[in-house]
Amino acid sequence: AKYAAKSIKKKFPAPTTNEPSTRVNEARSEEDEEMEDVAAIEDQSPHDILATLEDVKQRLDALEPKVAKLTSRLSERDPITKKPRYGSKSLSRVKDVILSYKTLESGLKIAFGLEPNLVSRLRDSIRSHQEQVDQKLDATRTRQQLESERIAREQQEAKEREEAREREEKMRVLEEEAALARAAEEAKRRRLAEEQRLLDEERAADQELLDQVPVLGEQGVRDQIVRMRAALEDDRPALDMALGSLYTLFEQIVSKPEEVRFRRVRRDHPQFVADVGRHIGGREVLIAAGFKLEKLDGKPCFFSKEPHIESDMDGWSDWYDSLKKTLAVLEEEMIK
């Protein structure tokens, strides 16, 4: 895969200066990288290389329909905003995934081509190596058996002496250990009971919040904003502040979905509580939009977890589309 990627770079090189020294340095750098790649490959056994190739081929075959679907979405646009489905950052990441897939696919076609090929040679090498190993093992088993029996006898004698000494020592400390164990168990019981009480209270409060959001997704977001409007009917500035804060939050996430700090909101943060959290429907909008109640670094948070784009392309696309729909709803509600 590395060689294929380098071939692409050589075919479409980046612009450089006309100075001879620059070209010489670049040539040396490419040669050094190739030598490092060769050295890395030589350090692996044929078995490791074959296992890696077969594993990559199996994974690549499984990814083919997903990559095709992801490729078809590059030219699609959001039906509401008419903007490209992906932002510039996400678009670059998607293209990198597709390029990596195509590069690996080309390399595997070479490795698994007509015989004799790399894979068949690797299998022959593994079979030959295993025969040599078996011969050496047969030659050393007899010597090892005799040596093992001698060592086993000596170890058994030493073990019996040590067990006798340990029995005497254990009898001396049994009563002390029993007393310490009882005290530790009682302290543990009290600590666990207190922790369970606090956990039950926290879970009850979380469940009460989740029960306020019977519908998730775009419609759920709209329902919670209706609740917020009703509660703040006589306080338009507070309503505008809450909607504006939520809009800013989702705009940041859609713009940079890879930034964890935008997708993590402390539930007890004073600014969040003042602008959004204290109002009916405020916290519930985040729940309807897919945020989960989690503890991060020991602090209760609302958290929107980004699916792994390389291993769950469909899940990532659905997650990102949901964020954009929520942003569109907030924008619509702000101008009412």
C-alpha atoms as a PDB file:
ATOM      1  CA  ALA A   1       0.000   0.000   0.000  1.00  0.00           C
ATOM      2  CA  LYS A   2       2.871   2.341   0.804  1.00  0.00           C
ATOM      3  CA  TYR A   3       4.532   1.688  -2.570  1.00  0.00           C
ATOM      4  CA  ALA A   4       1.262   2.367  -4.417  1.00  0.00           C
ATOM      5  CA  ALA A   5       0.749   5.640  -2.556  1.00  0.00           C
ATOM      6  CA  LYS A   6       4.287   6.733  -3.390  1.00  0.00           C
ATOM      7  CA  SER A   7       3.748   5.926  -7.045  1.00  0.00           C
ATOM      8  CA  ILE A   8       0.777   8.293  -7.064  1.00  0.00           C
ATOM      9  CA  LYS A   9       2.866  11.022  -5.453  1.00  0.00           C
ATOM     10  CA  LYS A  10       5.589  10.560  -8.075  1.00  0.00           C
ATOM     11  CA  LYS A  11       3.071  10.705 -10.910  1.00  0.00           C
ATOM     12  CA  PHE A  12       1.480  13.911  -9.555  1.00  0.00           C
ATOM     13  CA  PRO A  13       4.277  15.612  -7.606  1.00  0.00           C
ATOM     14  CA  ALA A  14       3.694  18.739  -5.518  1.00  0.00           C
ATOM     15  CA  PRO A  15       5.188  22.043  -6.877  1.00  0.00           C
ATOM     16  CA  THR A  16       8.772  22.634  -5.786  1.00  0.00           C
ATOM     17  CA  THR A  17      11.456  25.260  -6.331  1.00  0.00           C
ATOM     18  CA  ASN A  18      13.877  25.025  -9.249  1.00  0.00           C
ATOM     19  CA  GLU A  19      16.919  24.838  -7.029  1.00  0.00           C
ATOM     20  CA  PRO A  20      19.022  21.700  -7.701  1.00  0.00           C
ATOM     21  CA  SER A  21      19.704  21.214  -4.006  1.00  0.00           C
ATOM     22  CA  THR A  22      15.980  20.896  -3.264  1.00  0.00           C
ATOM     23  CA  ARG A  23      15.516  18.179  -5.890  1.00  0.00           C
ATOM     24  CA  VAL A  24      18.529  16.269  -4.583  1.00  0.00           C
ATOM     25  CA  ASN A  25      17.210  16.399  -1.012  1.00  0.00           C
ATOM     26  CA  GLU A  26      13.791  15.183  -2.144  1.00  0.00           C
ATOM     27  CA  ALA A  27      15.329  12.279  -4.076  1.00  0.00           C
ATOM     28  CA  ARG A  28      17.396  11.290  -1.046  1.00  0.00           C
ATOM     29  CA  SER A  29      14.334  11.522   1.208  1.00  0.00           C
ATOM     30  CA  GLU A  30      12.322   9.222  -1.087  1.00  0.00           C
ATOM     31  CA  GLU A  31      15.175   6.732  -1.253  1.00  0.00           C
ATOM     32  CA  ASP A  32      15.481   6.705   2.570  1.00  0.00           C
ATOM     33  CA  GLU A  33      11.751   6.089   2.954  1.00  0.00           C
ATOM     34  CA  GLU A  34      11.849   3.170   0.515  1.00  0.00           C
ATOM     35  CA  MET A  35      14.761   1.615   2.407  1.00  0.00           C
ATOM     36  CA  GLU A  36      12.843   1.945   5.688  1.00  0.00           C
ATOM     37  CA  ASP A  37       9.780   0.264   4.138  1.00  0.00           C
ATOM     38  CA  VAL A  38      11.881  -2.629   2.829  1.00  0.00           C
ATOM     39  CA  ALA A  39      13.547  -3.052   6.225  1.00  0.00           C
ATOM     40  CA  ALA A  40      10.158  -3.114   7.966  1.00  0.00           C
ATOM     41  CA  ILE A  41       8.895  -5.830   5.613  1.00  0.00           C
ATOM     42  CA  GLU A  42      12.044  -7.934   6.018  1.00  0.00           C
ATOM     43  CA  ASP A  43      11.589  -7.888   9.800  1.00  0.00           C
ATOM     44  CA  GLN A  44       8.286  -9.780   9.437  1.00  0.00           C
ATOM     45  CA  SER A  45       7.963 -13.518   8.966  1.00  0.00           C
ATOM     46  CA  PRO A  46       6.283 -14.968   5.847  1.00  0.00           C
ATOM     47  CA  HIS A  47       3.481 -16.209   8.081  1.00  0.00           C
ATOM     48  CA  ASP A  48       2.846 -12.705   9.446  1.00  0.00           C
ATOM     49  CA  ILE A  49       2.879 -11.193   5.952  1.00  0.00           C
ATOM     50  CA  LEU A  50       0.483 -13.830   4.579  1.00  0.00           C
ATOM     51  CA  ALA A  51      -1.893 -13.470   7.517  1.00  0.00           C
ATOM     52  CA  THR A  52      -1.883  -9.710   7.093  1.00  0.00           C
ATOM     53  CA  LEU A  53      -2.576  -9.953   3.351  1.00  0.00           C
ATOM     54  CA  GLU A  54      -5.466 -12.397   3.808  1.00  0.00           C
ATOM     55  CA  ASP A  55      -6.948 -10.340   6.635  1.00  0.00           C
ATOM     56  CA  VAL A  56      -6.720  -7.120   4.608  1.00  0.00           C
ATOM     57  CA  LYS A  57      -8.308  -8.833   1.577  1.00  0.00           C
ATOM     58  CA  GLN A  58     -11.209 -10.103   3.652  1.00  0.00           C
ATOM     59  CA  ARG A  59     -11.785  -6.699   5.227  1.00  0.00           C
ATOM     60  CA  LEU A  60     -11.482  -4.951   1.879  1.00  0.00           C
ATOM     61  CA  ASP A  61     -14.061  -7.259   0.274  1.00  0.00           C
ATOM     62  CA  ALA A  62     -16.481  -6.491   3.108  1.00  0.00           C
ATOM     63  CA  LEU A  63     -15.959  -2.746   2.671  1.00  0.00           C
ATOM     64  CA  GLU A  64     -16.607  -2.671  -1.078  1.00  0.00           C
ATOM     65  CA  PRO A  65     -20.372  -1.855  -0.953  1.00  0.00           C
ATOM     66  CA  LYS A  66     -19.863   0.761   1.737  1.00  0.00           C
ATOM     67  CA  VAL A  67     -17.076   2.501  -0.161  1.00  0.00           C
ATOM     68  CA  ALA A  68     -19.254   2.513  -3.269  1.00  0.00           C
ATOM     69  CA  LYS A  69     -22.079   4.109  -1.319  1.00  0.00           C
ATOM     70  CA  LEU A  70     -19.745   6.676   0.250  1.00  0.00           C
ATOM     71  CA  THR A  71     -18.340   7.517  -3.197  1.00  0.00           C
ATOM     72  CA  SER A  72     -21.815   8.084  -4.621  1.00  0.00           C
ATOM     73  CA  ARG A  73     -22.559  10.552  -1.839  1.00  0.00           C
ATOM     74  CA  LEU A  74     -19.658  12.840  -2.699  1.00  0.00           C
ATOM     75  CA  SER A  75     -21.762  14.621  -5.302  1.00  0.00           C
ATOM     76  CA  GLU A  76     -25.011  14.658  -3.308  1.00  0.00           C
ATOM     77  CA  ARG A  77     -26.395  17.790  -1.658  1.00  0.00           C
ATOM     78  CA  ASP A  78     -28.563  18.346   1.372  1.00  0.00           C
ATOM     79  CA  PRO A  79     -32.213  18.543   0.227  1.00  0.00           C
ATOM     80  CA  ILE A  80     -32.915  21.379   2.676  1.00  0.00           C
ATOM     81  CA  THR A  81     -29.822  23.606   2.640  1.00  0.00           C
ATOM     82  CA  LYS A  82     -28.714  22.661  -0.920  1.00  0.00           C
ATOM     83  CA  LYS A  83     -25.179  22.521   0.416  1.00  0.00           C
ATOM     84  CA  PRO A  84     -22.845  19.578  -0.170  1.00  0.00           C
ATOM     85  CA  ARG A  85     -23.621  16.636   2.091  1.00  0.00           C
ATOM     86  CA  TYR A  86     -20.190  16.942   3.692  1.00  0.00           C
ATOM     87  CA  GLY A  87     -18.295  19.975   4.938  1.00  0.00           C
ATOM     88  CA  SER A  88     -14.824  20.675   3.609  1.00  0.00           C
ATOM     89  CA  LYS A  89     -13.148  18.918   6.530  1.00  0.00           C
ATOM     90  CA  SER A  90     -15.381  15.879   6.339  1.00  0.00           C
ATOM     91  CA  LEU A  91     -15.124  15.810   2.525  1.00  0.00           C
ATOM     92  CA  SER A  92     -11.336  15.629   2.773  1.00  0.00           C
ATOM     93  CA  ARG A  93     -11.552  12.755   5.252  1.00  0.00           C
ATOM     94  CA  VAL A  94     -14.015  10.840   3.059  1.00  0.00           C
ATOM     95  CA  LYS A  95     -11.751  11.246   0.020  1.00  0.00           C
ATOM     96  CA  ASP A  96      -8.777   9.989   2.067  1.00  0.00           C
ATOM     97  CA  VAL A  97     -10.735   6.875   3.009  1.00  0.00           C
ATOM     98  CA  ILE A  98     -11.634   6.179  -0.625  1.00  0.00           C
ATOM     99  CA  LEU A  99      -8.039   6.736  -1.809  1.00  0.00           C
ATOM    100  CA  SER A 100      -6.730   4.348   0.858  1.00  0.00           C
ATOM    101  CA  TYR A 101      -9.279   1.740  -0.242  1.00  0.00           C
ATOM    102  CA  LYS A 102      -8.326   2.014  -3.933  1.00  0.00           C
ATOM    103  CA  THR A 103      -4.618   1.847  -3.108  1.00  0.00           C
ATOM    104  CA  LEU A 104      -5.021  -1.315  -1.031  1.00  0.00           C
ATOM    105  CA  GLU A 105      -7.244  -2.851  -3.705  1.00  0.00           C
ATOM    106  CA  SER A 106      -4.555  -2.343  -6.366  1.00  0.00           C
ATOM    107  CA  GLY A 107      -1.859  -3.840  -4.156  1.00  0.00           C
ATOM    108  CA  LEU A 108      -3.942  -6.925  -3.336  1.00  0.00           C
ATOM    109  CA  LYS A 109      -4.689  -7.598  -7.006  1.00  0.00           C
ATOM    110  CA  ILE A 110      -0.943  -7.894  -7.547  1.00  0.00           C
ATOM    111  CA  ALA A 111      -0.387 -10.071  -4.458  1.00  0.00           C
ATOM    112  CA  PHE A 112      -3.235 -12.506  -5.286  1.00  0.00           C
ATOM    113  CA  GLY A 113      -2.699 -12.538  -9.088  1.00  0.00           C
ATOM    114  CA  LEU A 114      -1.874 -15.471 -11.332  1.00  0.00           C
ATOM    115  CA  GLU A 115       0.594 -18.034  -9.907  1.00  0.00           C
ATOM    116  CA  PRO A 116       3.402 -17.937  -9.207  1.00  0.00           C
ATOM    117  CA  ASN A 117       2.542 -14.867  -7.123  1.00  0.00           C
ATOM    118  CA  LEU A 118       3.519 -13.374  -3.789  1.00  0.00           C
ATOM    119  CA  VAL A 119       0.920 -15.355  -1.839  1.00  0.00           C
ATOM    120  CA  SER A 120       1.923 -18.733  -3.289  1.00  0.00           C
ATOM    121  CA  ARG A 121       5.600 -18.022  -2.601  1.00  0.00           C
ATOM    122  CA  LEU A 122       4.789 -17.064   0.974  1.00  0.00           C
ATOM    123  CA  ARG A 123       2.906 -20.323   1.512  1.00  0.00           C
ATOM    124  CA  ASP A 124       5.816 -22.366   0.120  1.00  0.00           C
ATOM    125  CA  SER A 125       8.213 -20.501   2.400  1.00  0.00           C
ATOM    126  CA  ILE A 126       6.024 -21.135   5.448  1.00  0.00           C
ATOM    127  CA  ARG A 127       5.744 -24.871   4.654  1.00  0.00           C
ATOM    128  CA  SER A 128       9.522 -25.223   4.184  1.00  0.00           C
ATOM    129  CA  HIS A 129      10.240 -23.338   7.390  1.00  0.00           C
ATOM    130  CA  GLN A 130       7.816 -25.505   9.365  1.00  0.00           C
ATOM    131  CA  GLU A 131       9.520 -28.692   8.151  1.00  0.00           C
ATOM    132  CA  GLN A 132      12.906 -27.414   9.354  1.00  0.00           C
ATOM    133  CA  VAL A 133      11.437 -26.450  12.722  1.00  0.00           C
ATOM    134  CA  ASP A 134       9.872 -29.902  13.156  1.00  0.00           C
ATOM    135  CA  GLN A 135      13.204 -31.605  12.484  1.00  0.00           C
ATOM    136  CA  LYS A 136      14.991 -29.493  15.061  1.00  0.00           C
ATOM    137  CA  LEU A 137      12.258 -30.117  17.618  1.00  0.00           C
ATOM    138  CA  ASP A 138      12.520 -33.894  17.193  1.00  0.00           C
ATOM    139  CA  ALA A 139      16.282 -33.732  17.722  1.00  0.00           C
ATOM    140  CA  THR A 140      16.038 -31.784  20.968  1.00  0.00           C
ATOM    141  CA  ARG A 141      12.995 -33.414  22.601  1.00  0.00           C
ATOM    142  CA  THR A 142      14.951 -36.356  24.067  1.00  0.00           C
ATOM    143  CA  ARG A 143      17.545 -34.104  25.695  1.00  0.00           C
ATOM    144  CA  GLN A 144      14.879 -31.773  26.979  1.00  0.00           C
ATOM    145  CA  GLN A 145      12.863 -34.633  28.446  1.00  0.00           C
ATOM    146  CA  LEU A 146      15.801 -35.942  30.506  1.00  0.00           C
ATOM    147  CA  GLU A 147      16.688 -32.442  31.667  1.00  0.00           C
ATOM    148  CA  SER A 148      13.061 -31.709  32.529  1.00  0.00           C
ATOM    149  CA  GLU A 149      12.775 -34.807  34.688  1.00  0.00           C
ATOM    150  CA  ARG A 150      15.888 -33.861  36.674  1.00  0.00           C
ATOM    151  CA  ILE A 151      14.700 -30.297  37.161  1.00  0.00           C
ATOM    152  CA  ALA A 152      11.213 -31.487  38.138  1.00  0.00           C
ATOM    153  CA  ARG A 153      12.629 -33.681  40.922  1.00  0.00           C
ATOM    154  CA  GLU A 154      14.697 -30.832  42.313  1.00  0.00           C
ATOM    155  CA  GLN A 155      11.771 -28.431  42.091  1.00  0.00           C
ATOM    156  CA  GLN A 156       9.441 -30.861  43.863  1.00  0.00           C
ATOM    157  CA  GLU A 157      11.868 -31.245  46.761  1.00  0.00           C
ATOM    158  CA  ALA A 158      12.272 -27.470  47.031  1.00  0.00           C
ATOM    159  CA  LYS A 159       8.523 -27.005  46.814  1.00  0.00           C
ATOM    160  CA  GLU A 160       7.869 -29.404  49.668  1.00  0.00           C
ATOM    161  CA  ARG A 161      10.362 -27.587  51.890  1.00  0.00           C
ATOM    162  CA  GLU A 162       8.827 -24.218  51.022  1.00  0.00           C
ATOM    163  CA  GLU A 163       5.281 -25.442  51.638  1.00  0.00           C
ATOM    164  CA  ALA A 164       6.221 -26.641  55.101  1.00  0.00           C
ATOM    165  CA  ARG A 165       7.696 -23.233  55.932  1.00  0.00           C
ATOM    166  CA  GLU A 166       4.647 -21.407  54.537  1.00  0.00           C
ATOM    167  CA  ARG A 167       2.226 -23.495  56.600  1.00  0.00           C
ATOM    168  CA  GLU A 168       4.002 -22.469  59.773  1.00  0.00           C
ATOM    169  CA  GLU A 169       3.952 -18.801  58.731  1.00  0.00           C
ATOM    170  CA  LYS A 170       0.267 -18.868  57.756  1.00  0.00           C
ATOM    171  CA  MET A 171      -0.771 -20.303  61.096  1.00  0.00           C
ATOM    172  CA  ARG A 172       0.891 -17.348  62.820  1.00  0.00           C
ATOM    173  CA  VAL A 173      -0.921 -14.657  60.868  1.00  0.00           C
ATOM    174  CA  LEU A 174      -4.342 -16.262  60.370  1.00  0.00           C
ATOM    175  CA  GLU A 175      -6.021 -14.540  63.304  1.00  0.00           C
ATOM    176  CA  GLU A 176      -4.602 -11.117  62.415  1.00  0.00           C
ATOM    177  CA  GLU A 177      -5.684 -11.436  58.791  1.00  0.00           C
ATOM    178  CA  ALA A 178      -9.173 -12.513  59.788  1.00  0.00           C
ATOM    179  CA  ALA A 179      -9.618  -9.438  61.993  1.00  0.00           C
ATOM    180  CA  LEU A 180      -8.357  -7.101  59.268  1.00  0.00           C
ATOM    181  CA  ALA A 181     -10.610  -8.763  56.709  1.00  0.00           C
ATOM    182  CA  ARG A 182     -13.702  -8.257  58.877  1.00  0.00           C
ATOM    183  CA  ALA A 183     -12.905  -4.590  59.397  1.00  0.00           C
ATOM    184  CA  ALA A 184     -12.242  -4.044  55.683  1.00  0.00           C
ATOM    185  CA  GLU A 185     -15.465  -5.810  54.707  1.00  0.00           C
ATOM    186  CA  GLU A 186     -17.536  -3.629  57.002  1.00  0.00           C
ATOM    187  CA  ALA A 187     -15.924  -0.443  55.663  1.00  0.00           C
ATOM    188  CA  LYS A 188     -16.475  -1.647  52.124  1.00  0.00           C
ATOM    189  CA  ARG A 189     -20.122  -2.433  52.838  1.00  0.00           C
ATOM    190  CA  ARG A 190     -20.759   1.074  54.177  1.00  0.00           C
ATOM    191  CA  ARG A 191     -18.914   2.680  51.256  1.00  0.00           C
ATOM    192  CA  LEU A 192     -20.801   0.636  48.645  1.00  0.00           C
ATOM    193  CA  ALA A 193     -24.126   1.398  50.295  1.00  0.00           C
ATOM    194  CA  GLU A 194     -23.433   5.142  50.128  1.00  0.00           C
ATOM    195  CA  GLU A 195     -22.210   4.921  46.533  1.00  0.00           C
ATOM    196  CA  GLN A 196     -25.314   2.945  45.555  1.00  0.00           C
ATOM    197  CA  ARG A 197     -27.580   5.507  47.203  1.00  0.00           C
ATOM    198  CA  LEU A 198     -25.966   8.369  45.288  1.00  0.00           C
ATOM    199  CA  LEU A 199     -26.013   6.355  42.070  1.00  0.00           C
ATOM    200  CA  ASP A 200     -29.711   5.537  42.476  1.00  0.00           C
ATOM    201  CA  GLU A 201     -30.520   9.205  42.997  1.00  0.00           C
ATOM    202  CA  GLU A 202     -28.497  10.175  39.912  1.00  0.00           C
ATOM    203  CA  ARG A 203     -30.119   7.472  37.763  1.00  0.00           C
ATOM    204  CA  ALA A 204     -33.586   8.502  38.905  1.00  0.00           C
ATOM    205  CA  ALA A 205     -32.899  12.118  37.945  1.00  0.00           C
ATOM    206  CA  ASP A 206     -31.493  11.051  34.566  1.00  0.00           C
ATOM    207  CA  GLN A 207     -34.462   8.799  33.872  1.00  0.00           C
ATOM    208  CA  GLU A 208     -36.852  11.603  34.763  1.00  0.00           C
ATOM    209  CA  LEU A 209     -35.101  13.807  32.183  1.00  0.00           C
ATOM    210  CA  LEU A 210     -35.179  11.064  29.519  1.00  0.00           C
ATOM    211  CA  ASP A 211     -38.891  10.476  30.163  1.00  0.00           C
ATOM    212  CA  GLN A 212     -39.520  14.066  29.110  1.00  0.00           C
ATOM    213  CA  VAL A 213     -38.333  13.177  25.564  1.00  0.00           C
ATOM    214  CA  PRO A 214     -40.649  10.454  24.195  1.00  0.00           C
ATOM    215  CA  VAL A 215     -39.775  11.303  20.573  1.00  0.00           C
ATOM    216  CA  LEU A 216     -36.225  11.567  19.220  1.00  0.00           C
ATOM    217  CA  GLY A 217     -34.851  13.066  16.019  1.00  0.00           C
ATOM    218  CA  GLU A 218     -36.061  16.113  14.113  1.00  0.00           C
ATOM    219  CA  GLN A 219     -39.661  15.857  15.342  1.00  0.00           C
ATOM    220  CA  GLY A 220     -38.481  15.415  18.910  1.00  0.00           C
ATOM    221  CA  VAL A 221     -36.395  18.604  18.655  1.00  0.00           C
ATOM    222  CA  ARG A 222     -39.441  20.498  17.402  1.00  0.00           C
ATOM    223  CA  ASP A 223     -41.588  19.139  20.242  1.00  0.00           C
ATOM    224  CA  GLN A 224     -39.127  20.302  22.896  1.00  0.00           C
ATOM    225  CA  ILE A 225     -38.846  23.779  21.361  1.00  0.00           C
ATOM    226  CA  VAL A 226     -42.666  23.998  21.552  1.00  0.00           C
ATOM    227  CA  ARG A 227     -42.421  23.236  25.274  1.00  0.00           C
ATOM    228  CA  MET A 228     -39.734  25.874  25.660  1.00  0.00           C
ATOM    229  CA  ARG A 229     -41.818  28.497  23.842  1.00  0.00           C
ATOM    230  CA  ALA A 230     -44.795  27.785  26.081  1.00  0.00           C
ATOM    231  CA  ALA A 231     -42.708  28.066  29.234  1.00  0.00           C
ATOM    232  CA  LEU A 232     -41.036  31.329  28.085  1.00  0.00           C
ATOM    233  CA  GLU A 233     -44.103  32.880  26.509  1.00  0.00           C
ATOM    234  CA  ASP A 234     -43.676  36.016  28.654  1.00  0.00           C
ATOM    235  CA  ASP A 235     -39.867  36.148  28.454  1.00  0.00           C
ATOM    236  CA  ARG A 236     -38.855  36.599  24.812  1.00  0.00           C
ATOM    237  CA  PRO A 237     -35.216  37.601  25.612  1.00  0.00           C
ATOM    238  CA  ALA A 238     -34.694  34.350  27.522  1.00  0.00           C
ATOM    239  CA  LEU A 239     -36.205  32.360  24.625  1.00  0.00           C
ATOM    240  CA  ASP A 240     -33.970  34.111  22.099  1.00  0.00           C
ATOM    241  CA  MET A 241     -30.912  33.471  24.275  1.00  0.00           C
ATOM    242  CA  ALA A 242     -31.744  29.760  24.622  1.00  0.00           C
ATOM    243  CA  LEU A 243     -32.372  29.242  20.895  1.00  0.00           C
ATOM    244  CA  GLY A 244     -29.302  31.273  19.966  1.00  0.00           C
ATOM    245  CA  SER A 245     -27.053  29.290  22.325  1.00  0.00           C
ATOM    246  CA  LEU A 246     -28.354  25.983  20.963  1.00  0.00           C
ATOM    247  CA  TYR A 247     -27.902  27.203  17.384  1.00  0.00           C
ATOM    248  CA  THR A 248     -24.290  28.225  18.094  1.00  0.00           C
ATOM    249  CA  LEU A 249     -23.584  24.836  19.665  1.00  0.00           C
ATOM    250  CA  PHE A 250     -24.912  22.815  16.711  1.00  0.00           C
ATOM    251  CA  GLU A 251     -23.334  25.167  14.176  1.00  0.00           C
ATOM    252  CA  GLN A 252     -19.917  24.517  15.738  1.00  0.00           C
ATOM    253  CA  ILE A 253     -20.478  20.745  15.715  1.00  0.00           C
ATOM    254  CA  VAL A 254     -21.620  20.676  12.078  1.00  0.00           C
ATOM    255  CA  SER A 255     -18.679  22.880  11.075  1.00  0.00           C
ATOM    256  CA  LYS A 256     -16.100  20.755  12.886  1.00  0.00           C
ATOM    257  CA  PRO A 257     -17.638  17.381  13.833  1.00  0.00           C
ATOM    258  CA  GLU A 258     -14.243  15.957  14.721  1.00  0.00           C
ATOM    259  CA  GLU A 259     -13.799  18.460  17.592  1.00  0.00           C
ATOM    260  CA  VAL A 260     -14.767  16.669  20.818  1.00  0.00           C
ATOM    261  CA  ARG A 261     -14.958  19.924  22.804  1.00  0.00           C
ATOM    262  CA  PHE A 262     -17.923  21.092  20.693  1.00  0.00           C
ATOM    263  CA  ARG A 263     -19.780  17.792  21.231  1.00  0.00           C
ATOM    264  CA  ARG A 264     -19.272  17.767  25.004  1.00  0.00           C
ATOM    265  CA  VAL A 265     -21.485  19.983  27.209  1.00  0.00           C
ATOM    266  CA  ARG A 266     -21.144  19.982  30.992  1.00  0.00           C
ATOM    267  CA  ARG A 267     -24.624  19.668  32.470  1.00  0.00           C
ATOM    268  CA  ASP A 268     -23.730  21.813  35.493  1.00  0.00           C
ATOM    269  CA  HIS A 269     -21.777  24.506  33.622  1.00  0.00           C
ATOM    270  CA  PRO A 270     -23.040  27.896  34.914  1.00  0.00           C
ATOM    271  CA  GLN A 271     -23.277  29.438  31.452  1.00  0.00           C
ATOM    272  CA  PHE A 272     -25.144  26.465  29.995  1.00  0.00           C
ATOM    273  CA  VAL A 273     -27.550  26.393  32.950  1.00  0.00           C
ATOM    274  CA  ALA A 274     -28.190  30.141  32.684  1.00  0.00           C
ATOM    275  CA  ASP A 275     -28.741  30.174  28.907  1.00  0.00           C
ATOM    276  CA  VAL A 276     -30.399  26.794  28.255  1.00  0.00           C
ATOM    277  CA  GLY A 277     -30.464  24.231  31.039  1.00  0.00           C
ATOM    278  CA  ARG A 278     -32.749  26.093  33.471  1.00  0.00           C
ATOM    279  CA  HIS A 279     -35.583  26.318  30.934  1.00  0.00           C
ATOM    280  CA  ILE A 280     -38.179  23.634  30.271  1.00  0.00           C
ATOM    281  CA  GLY A 281     -37.263  21.911  27.014  1.00  0.00           C
ATOM    282  CA  GLY A 282     -33.694  23.252  26.925  1.00  0.00           C
ATOM    283  CA  ARG A 283     -31.835  20.141  28.037  1.00  0.00           C
ATOM    284  CA  GLU A 284     -34.447  18.000  26.325  1.00  0.00           C
ATOM    285  CA  VAL A 285     -33.521  19.469  22.903  1.00  0.00           C
ATOM    286  CA  LEU A 286     -30.048  17.919  23.269  1.00  0.00           C
ATOM    287  CA  ILE A 287     -31.539  14.543  24.215  1.00  0.00           C
ATOM    288  CA  ALA A 288     -33.894  14.644  21.226  1.00  0.00           C
ATOM    289  CA  ALA A 289     -30.947  15.515  18.964  1.00  0.00           C
ATOM    290  CA  GLY A 290     -29.074  12.364  19.987  1.00  0.00           C
ATOM    291  CA  PHE A 291     -26.915  13.541  22.915  1.00  0.00           C
ATOM    292  CA  LYS A 292     -26.327  10.953  25.653  1.00  0.00           C
ATOM    293  CA  LEU A 293     -26.042  11.405  29.430  1.00  0.00           C
ATOM    294  CA  GLU A 294     -22.490  10.397  30.308  1.00  0.00           C
ATOM    295  CA  LYS A 295     -19.773  11.096  32.834  1.00  0.00           C
ATOM    296  CA  LEU A 296     -16.554  12.385  31.267  1.00  0.00           C
ATOM    297  CA  ASP A 297     -13.548  12.991  33.520  1.00  0.00           C
ATOM    298  CA  GLY A 298     -15.892  12.481  36.463  1.00  0.00           C
ATOM    299  CA  LYS A 299     -18.276  15.287  35.381  1.00  0.00           C
ATOM    300  CA  PRO A 300     -21.894  14.796  34.202  1.00  0.00           C
ATOM    301  CA  CYS A 301     -22.136  15.809  30.553  1.00  0.00           C
ATOM    302  CA  PHE A 302     -24.329  15.795  27.475  1.00  0.00           C
ATOM    303  CA  PHE A 303     -22.206  14.055  24.821  1.00  0.00           C
ATOM    304  CA  SER A 304     -22.723  13.432  21.111  1.00  0.00           C
ATOM    305  CA  LYS A 305     -20.442  10.543  20.138  1.00  0.00           C
ATOM    306  CA  GLU A 306     -19.099  10.621  16.580  1.00  0.00           C
ATOM    307  CA  PRO A 307     -19.228   7.182  14.876  1.00  0.00           C
ATOM    308  CA  HIS A 308     -15.911   5.976  13.483  1.00  0.00           C
ATOM    309  CA  ILE A 309     -16.033   6.976   9.826  1.00  0.00           C
ATOM    310  CA  GLU A 310     -13.480   4.366   8.718  1.00  0.00           C
ATOM    311  CA  SER A 311     -15.353   1.432  10.303  1.00  0.00           C
ATOM    312  CA  ASP A 312     -18.973   2.679  10.306  1.00  0.00           C
ATOM    313  CA  MET A 313     -19.493   4.865   7.255  1.00  0.00           C
ATOM    314  CA  ASP A 314     -23.301   4.555   7.273  1.00  0.00           C
ATOM    315  CA  GLY A 315     -23.559   5.330  10.954  1.00  0.00           C
ATOM    316  CA  TRP A 316     -21.361   8.396  10.591  1.00  0.00           C
ATOM    317  CA  SER A 317     -23.443   9.736   7.692  1.00  0.00           C
ATOM    318  CA  ASP A 318     -26.714   9.253   9.609  1.00  0.00           C
ATOM    319  CA  TRP A 319     -25.238  10.955  12.684  1.00  0.00           C
ATOM    320  CA  TYR A 320     -23.976  13.939  10.681  1.00  0.00           C
ATOM    321  CA  ASP A 321     -27.275  14.317   8.786  1.00  0.00           C
ATOM    322  CA  SER A 322     -29.186  14.358  12.094  1.00  0.00           C
ATOM    323  CA  LEU A 323     -26.994  17.199  13.379  1.00  0.00           C
ATOM    324  CA  LYS A 324     -27.619  19.225  10.226  1.00  0.00           C
ATOM    325  CA  LYS A 325     -31.387  18.689  10.504  1.00  0.00           C
ATOM    326  CA  THR A 326     -31.334  19.904  14.108  1.00  0.00           C
ATOM    327  CA  LEU A 327     -29.369  22.986  13.037  1.00  0.00           C
ATOM    328  CA  ALA A 328     -31.932  23.680  10.307  1.00  0.00           C
ATOM    329  CA  VAL A 329     -34.824  23.407  12.811  1.00  0.00           C
ATOM    330  CA  LEU A 330     -33.110  25.843  15.213  1.00  0.00           C
ATOM    331  CA  GLU A 331     -32.467  28.306  12.390  1.00  0.00           C
ATOM    332  CA  GLU A 332     -36.131  28.105  11.393  1.00  0.00           C
ATOM    333  CA  GLU A 333     -37.305  28.599  14.993  1.00  0.00           C
ATOM    334  CA  MET A 334     -35.049  31.610  15.584  1.00  0.00           C
ATOM    335  CA  ILE A 335     -36.736  33.670  12.854  1.00  0.00           C
ATOM    336  CA  LYS A 336     -40.292  33.002  14.053  1.00  0.00           C
END
